[in-house]
Every structure is written in C-alpha cells, then in structure tokens.
Amino acid sequence: MPRIFGTDIPGKKKVAFALRYIYGIGPTRSAAIVAEAGFDEKMRADELSEQDINRIMAICVAKGFKLEGDLRREMIANIKRLQNIRCYRGIRHYKGLPVRGQRTSSNARTRRGARKTIGVVRGKE
C-alpha cells in the first residue's frame, strides 16, 4: 500500500481511482494528475515507485491543491465562522439540521439521526 500525504491508498486499484482516497482529490483532479505525471491508465498503485509517488506529490504542491489536514481544517474553520456570526447556515449546522434548504418534516433522517420515540407516562388505572 503506497502512502501519499499521510493516506494509505489501495494498491490493487488503478492509480486514477486510488488517488481519490486522498481527501481533496476527486475524479477530475485525479485524472489531471495521472495525465500530467504521464502514467499508463492501466497502471496499479502497487506498481508506483518512490519516484512516481514523489512526482505525484510535487504535482499537487505545484498546482496548490489543499489536501487532507489543511483542507479539513479550512472547512471546519468556515463552519465555525458561520456559527460564530450566528447566520442562518451556522445555526443549522449547530442544530444538526439540513443546511441547504431541504425539507425536514418527512425526510432528513441522515442529518437528524434516528427517530426518538416520545412515550406517554400513564397513571395507575
């Protein structure tokens, strides 16, 4: 398993797909990195040499991609900023509700969590 930017990428997958395991690299960036590095499309991540890994890292640094920890910190800072200024989106983040206008009366189970049953306490009959 090669290690790039502190992330283990799966060795059995093709390089273009394995690079997507790095936070901040999606399909478009992955394809651009493979094309610029000049790798064969069928090349697997296990076949990468130390020089190839260094070439991938150099391309990412040269293009100024924010990856892994830096990107995560920036995204968390953006959410904290929204919460601190108490804007609508920040309040929705704080409450754990959908932020981008989705309905909540019938859906939003992913964001709101599992249903909480509210029972009725009855007296002795």
C-alpha atoms as a PDB file:
ATOM      1  CA  MET A   1       0.000   0.000   0.000  1.00  0.00           C
ATOM      2  CA  PRO A   2       1.589   3.279  -1.082  1.00  0.00           C
ATOM      3  CA  ARG A   3       1.308   6.196   1.308  1.00  0.00           C
ATOM      4  CA  ILE A   4       0.695   9.671  -0.119  1.00  0.00           C
ATOM      5  CA  PHE A   5       0.084  12.756   2.050  1.00  0.00           C
ATOM      6  CA  GLY A   6      -0.362  10.546   5.098  1.00  0.00           C
ATOM      7  CA  THR A   7      -3.070   8.413   3.475  1.00  0.00           C
ATOM      8  CA  ASP A   8      -2.730   4.760   2.556  1.00  0.00           C
ATOM      9  CA  ILE A   9      -4.083   4.283  -0.949  1.00  0.00           C
ATOM     10  CA  PRO A  10      -5.250   0.819  -2.042  1.00  0.00           C
ATOM     11  CA  GLY A  11      -2.584  -0.927  -4.072  1.00  0.00           C
ATOM     12  CA  LYS A  12      -4.842  -3.187  -6.132  1.00  0.00           C
ATOM     13  CA  LYS A  13      -6.742  -0.300  -7.747  1.00  0.00           C
ATOM     14  CA  LYS A  14      -5.685   1.722 -10.769  1.00  0.00           C
ATOM     15  CA  VAL A  15      -3.776   4.896  -9.916  1.00  0.00           C
ATOM     16  CA  ALA A  16      -6.567   7.222 -11.089  1.00  0.00           C
ATOM     17  CA  PHE A  17      -9.034   5.527  -8.720  1.00  0.00           C
ATOM     18  CA  ALA A  18      -6.599   5.044  -5.850  1.00  0.00           C
ATOM     19  CA  LEU A  19      -5.744   8.762  -5.719  1.00  0.00           C
ATOM     20  CA  ARG A  20      -9.386   9.508  -4.899  1.00  0.00           C
ATOM     21  CA  TYR A  21      -8.849   8.057  -1.424  1.00  0.00           C
ATOM     22  CA  ILE A  22      -6.881  11.221  -0.603  1.00  0.00           C
ATOM     23  CA  TYR A  23      -9.210  13.834   0.909  1.00  0.00           C
ATOM     24  CA  GLY A  24      -9.491  16.693  -1.582  1.00  0.00           C
ATOM     25  CA  ILE A  25      -8.808  14.703  -4.760  1.00  0.00           C
ATOM     26  CA  GLY A  26     -11.823  13.728  -6.824  1.00  0.00           C
ATOM     27  CA  PRO A  27     -12.257  12.266 -10.288  1.00  0.00           C
ATOM     28  CA  THR A  28     -11.231  15.383 -12.229  1.00  0.00           C
ATOM     29  CA  ARG A  29      -8.126  16.155 -10.184  1.00  0.00           C
ATOM     30  CA  SER A  30      -7.123  12.512 -10.164  1.00  0.00           C
ATOM     31  CA  ALA A  31      -7.319  12.264 -13.952  1.00  0.00           C
ATOM     32  CA  ALA A  32      -5.351  15.513 -14.339  1.00  0.00           C
ATOM     33  CA  ILE A  33      -2.587  14.292 -12.004  1.00  0.00           C
ATOM     34  CA  VAL A  34      -2.279  10.950 -13.819  1.00  0.00           C
ATOM     35  CA  ALA A  35      -2.171  12.692 -17.212  1.00  0.00           C
ATOM     36  CA  GLU A  36       0.428  15.229 -16.109  1.00  0.00           C
ATOM     37  CA  ALA A  37       2.601  12.579 -14.476  1.00  0.00           C
ATOM     38  CA  GLY A  38       2.429  10.512 -17.651  1.00  0.00           C
ATOM     39  CA  PHE A  39       1.294   7.253 -16.049  1.00  0.00           C
ATOM     40  CA  ASP A  40      -0.341   4.470 -18.040  1.00  0.00           C
ATOM     41  CA  GLU A  41      -4.102   4.332 -17.430  1.00  0.00           C
ATOM     42  CA  LYS A  42      -3.907   0.627 -16.576  1.00  0.00           C
ATOM     43  CA  MET A  43      -1.119   1.080 -14.013  1.00  0.00           C
ATOM     44  CA  ARG A  44      -1.939  -0.110 -10.492  1.00  0.00           C
ATOM     45  CA  ALA A  45      -0.989   1.775  -7.337  1.00  0.00           C
ATOM     46  CA  ASP A  46       1.269  -1.098  -6.190  1.00  0.00           C
ATOM     47  CA  GLU A  47       3.428  -0.504  -9.265  1.00  0.00           C
ATOM     48  CA  LEU A  48       4.262   3.079  -8.219  1.00  0.00           C
ATOM     49  CA  SER A  49       7.909   3.593  -7.373  1.00  0.00           C
ATOM     50  CA  GLU A  50       9.193   6.071  -4.818  1.00  0.00           C
ATOM     51  CA  GLN A  51       9.991   8.483  -7.659  1.00  0.00           C
ATOM     52  CA  ASP A  52       6.439   8.210  -9.005  1.00  0.00           C
ATOM     53  CA  ILE A  53       4.998   8.975  -5.576  1.00  0.00           C
ATOM     54  CA  ASN A  54       7.298  11.985  -5.260  1.00  0.00           C
ATOM     55  CA  ARG A  55       6.197  13.142  -8.732  1.00  0.00           C
ATOM     56  CA  ILE A  56       2.526  12.951  -7.688  1.00  0.00           C
ATOM     57  CA  MET A  57       3.238  14.927  -4.524  1.00  0.00           C
ATOM     58  CA  ALA A  58       5.222  17.534  -6.492  1.00  0.00           C
ATOM     59  CA  ILE A  59       2.357  17.990  -8.964  1.00  0.00           C
ATOM     60  CA  CYS A  60      -0.129  18.520  -6.119  1.00  0.00           C
ATOM     61  CA  VAL A  61       2.131  21.061  -4.426  1.00  0.00           C
ATOM     62  CA  ALA A  62       2.882  22.884  -7.698  1.00  0.00           C
ATOM     63  CA  LYS A  63      -0.818  23.222  -8.530  1.00  0.00           C
ATOM     64  CA  GLY A  64      -1.538  24.456  -4.996  1.00  0.00           C
ATOM     65  CA  PHE A  65      -4.083  21.801  -4.059  1.00  0.00           C
ATOM     66  CA  LYS A  66      -5.217  21.868  -0.444  1.00  0.00           C
ATOM     67  CA  LEU A  67      -5.385  18.267   0.695  1.00  0.00           C
ATOM     68  CA  GLU A  68      -6.045  16.196   3.796  1.00  0.00           C
ATOM     69  CA  GLY A  69      -5.424  18.078   7.064  1.00  0.00           C
ATOM     70  CA  ASP A  70      -5.193  21.571   5.586  1.00  0.00           C
ATOM     71  CA  LEU A  71      -8.468  21.169   3.713  1.00  0.00           C
ATOM     72  CA  ARG A  72     -10.241  19.636   6.713  1.00  0.00           C
ATOM     73  CA  ARG A  73      -9.042  22.475   8.981  1.00  0.00           C
ATOM     74  CA  GLU A  74     -10.192  25.100   6.479  1.00  0.00           C
ATOM     75  CA  MET A  75     -13.650  23.550   6.159  1.00  0.00           C
ATOM     76  CA  ILE A  76     -14.066  23.294   9.936  1.00  0.00           C
ATOM     77  CA  ALA A  77     -12.932  26.913  10.292  1.00  0.00           C
ATOM     78  CA  ASN A  78     -15.519  28.018   7.724  1.00  0.00           C
ATOM     79  CA  ILE A  79     -18.310  26.243   9.609  1.00  0.00           C
ATOM     80  CA  LYS A  80     -17.115  27.700  12.946  1.00  0.00           C
ATOM     81  CA  ARG A  81     -17.115  31.187  11.386  1.00  0.00           C
ATOM     82  CA  LEU A  82     -20.721  30.729  10.247  1.00  0.00           C
ATOM     83  CA  GLN A  83     -21.696  29.561  13.723  1.00  0.00           C
ATOM     84  CA  ASN A  84     -19.923  32.472  15.420  1.00  0.00           C
ATOM     85  CA  ILE A  85     -21.675  35.128  13.334  1.00  0.00           C
ATOM     86  CA  ARG A  86     -24.980  33.327  14.042  1.00  0.00           C
ATOM     87  CA  CYS A  87     -26.112  33.340  10.423  1.00  0.00           C
ATOM     88  CA  TYR A  88     -28.862  31.010   9.227  1.00  0.00           C
ATOM     89  CA  ARG A  89     -26.457  28.397   7.845  1.00  0.00           C
ATOM     90  CA  GLY A  90     -24.385  28.480  11.008  1.00  0.00           C
ATOM     91  CA  ILE A  91     -27.435  27.909  13.191  1.00  0.00           C
ATOM     92  CA  ARG A  92     -28.496  24.951  11.019  1.00  0.00           C
ATOM     93  CA  HIS A  93     -25.002  23.459  11.373  1.00  0.00           C
ATOM     94  CA  TYR A  94     -25.148  23.975  15.132  1.00  0.00           C
ATOM     95  CA  LYS A  95     -28.568  22.312  15.464  1.00  0.00           C
ATOM     96  CA  GLY A  96     -27.602  19.412  13.180  1.00  0.00           C
ATOM     97  CA  LEU A  97     -30.308  20.160  10.615  1.00  0.00           C
ATOM     98  CA  PRO A  98     -30.038  20.277   6.797  1.00  0.00           C
ATOM     99  CA  VAL A  99     -28.260  23.441   5.713  1.00  0.00           C
ATOM    100  CA  ARG A 100     -29.176  23.812   2.045  1.00  0.00           C
ATOM    101  CA  GLY A 101     -32.942  24.152   2.106  1.00  0.00           C
ATOM    102  CA  GLN A 102     -34.012  20.509   2.200  1.00  0.00           C
ATOM    103  CA  ARG A 103     -37.319  19.626   3.809  1.00  0.00           C
ATOM    104  CA  THR A 104     -37.279  18.243   7.335  1.00  0.00           C
ATOM    105  CA  SER A 105     -40.867  17.240   8.057  1.00  0.00           C
ATOM    106  CA  SER A 106     -40.748  13.966   6.151  1.00  0.00           C
ATOM    107  CA  ASN A 107     -37.079  13.329   5.398  1.00  0.00           C
ATOM    108  CA  ALA A 108     -33.624  14.433   6.642  1.00  0.00           C
ATOM    109  CA  ARG A 109     -33.086  11.252   8.679  1.00  0.00           C
ATOM    110  CA  THR A 110     -29.395  11.233   7.783  1.00  0.00           C
ATOM    111  CA  ARG A 111     -28.822  14.675   9.245  1.00  0.00           C
ATOM    112  CA  ARG A 112     -31.264  14.495  12.171  1.00  0.00           C
ATOM    113  CA  GLY A 113     -30.389  10.989  13.284  1.00  0.00           C
ATOM    114  CA  ALA A 114     -32.562   8.071  14.258  1.00  0.00           C
ATOM    115  CA  ARG A 115     -36.137   8.663  15.353  1.00  0.00           C
ATOM    116  CA  LYS A 116     -36.669   9.272  19.048  1.00  0.00           C
ATOM    117  CA  THR A 117     -39.941   7.841  20.292  1.00  0.00           C
ATOM    118  CA  ILE A 118     -41.671  10.063  22.794  1.00  0.00           C
ATOM    119  CA  GLY A 119     -43.826   7.996  25.105  1.00  0.00           C
ATOM    120  CA  VAL A 120     -46.726   8.965  27.294  1.00  0.00           C
ATOM    121  CA  VAL A 121     -46.486   8.302  31.033  1.00  0.00           C
ATOM    122  CA  ARG A 122     -49.825   6.993  32.286  1.00  0.00           C
ATOM    123  CA  GLY A 123     -51.081   6.815  35.825  1.00  0.00           C
ATOM    124  CA  LYS A 124     -52.241   3.610  37.558  1.00  0.00           C
ATOM    125  CA  GLU A 125     -55.649   2.554  36.358  1.00  0.00           C
END
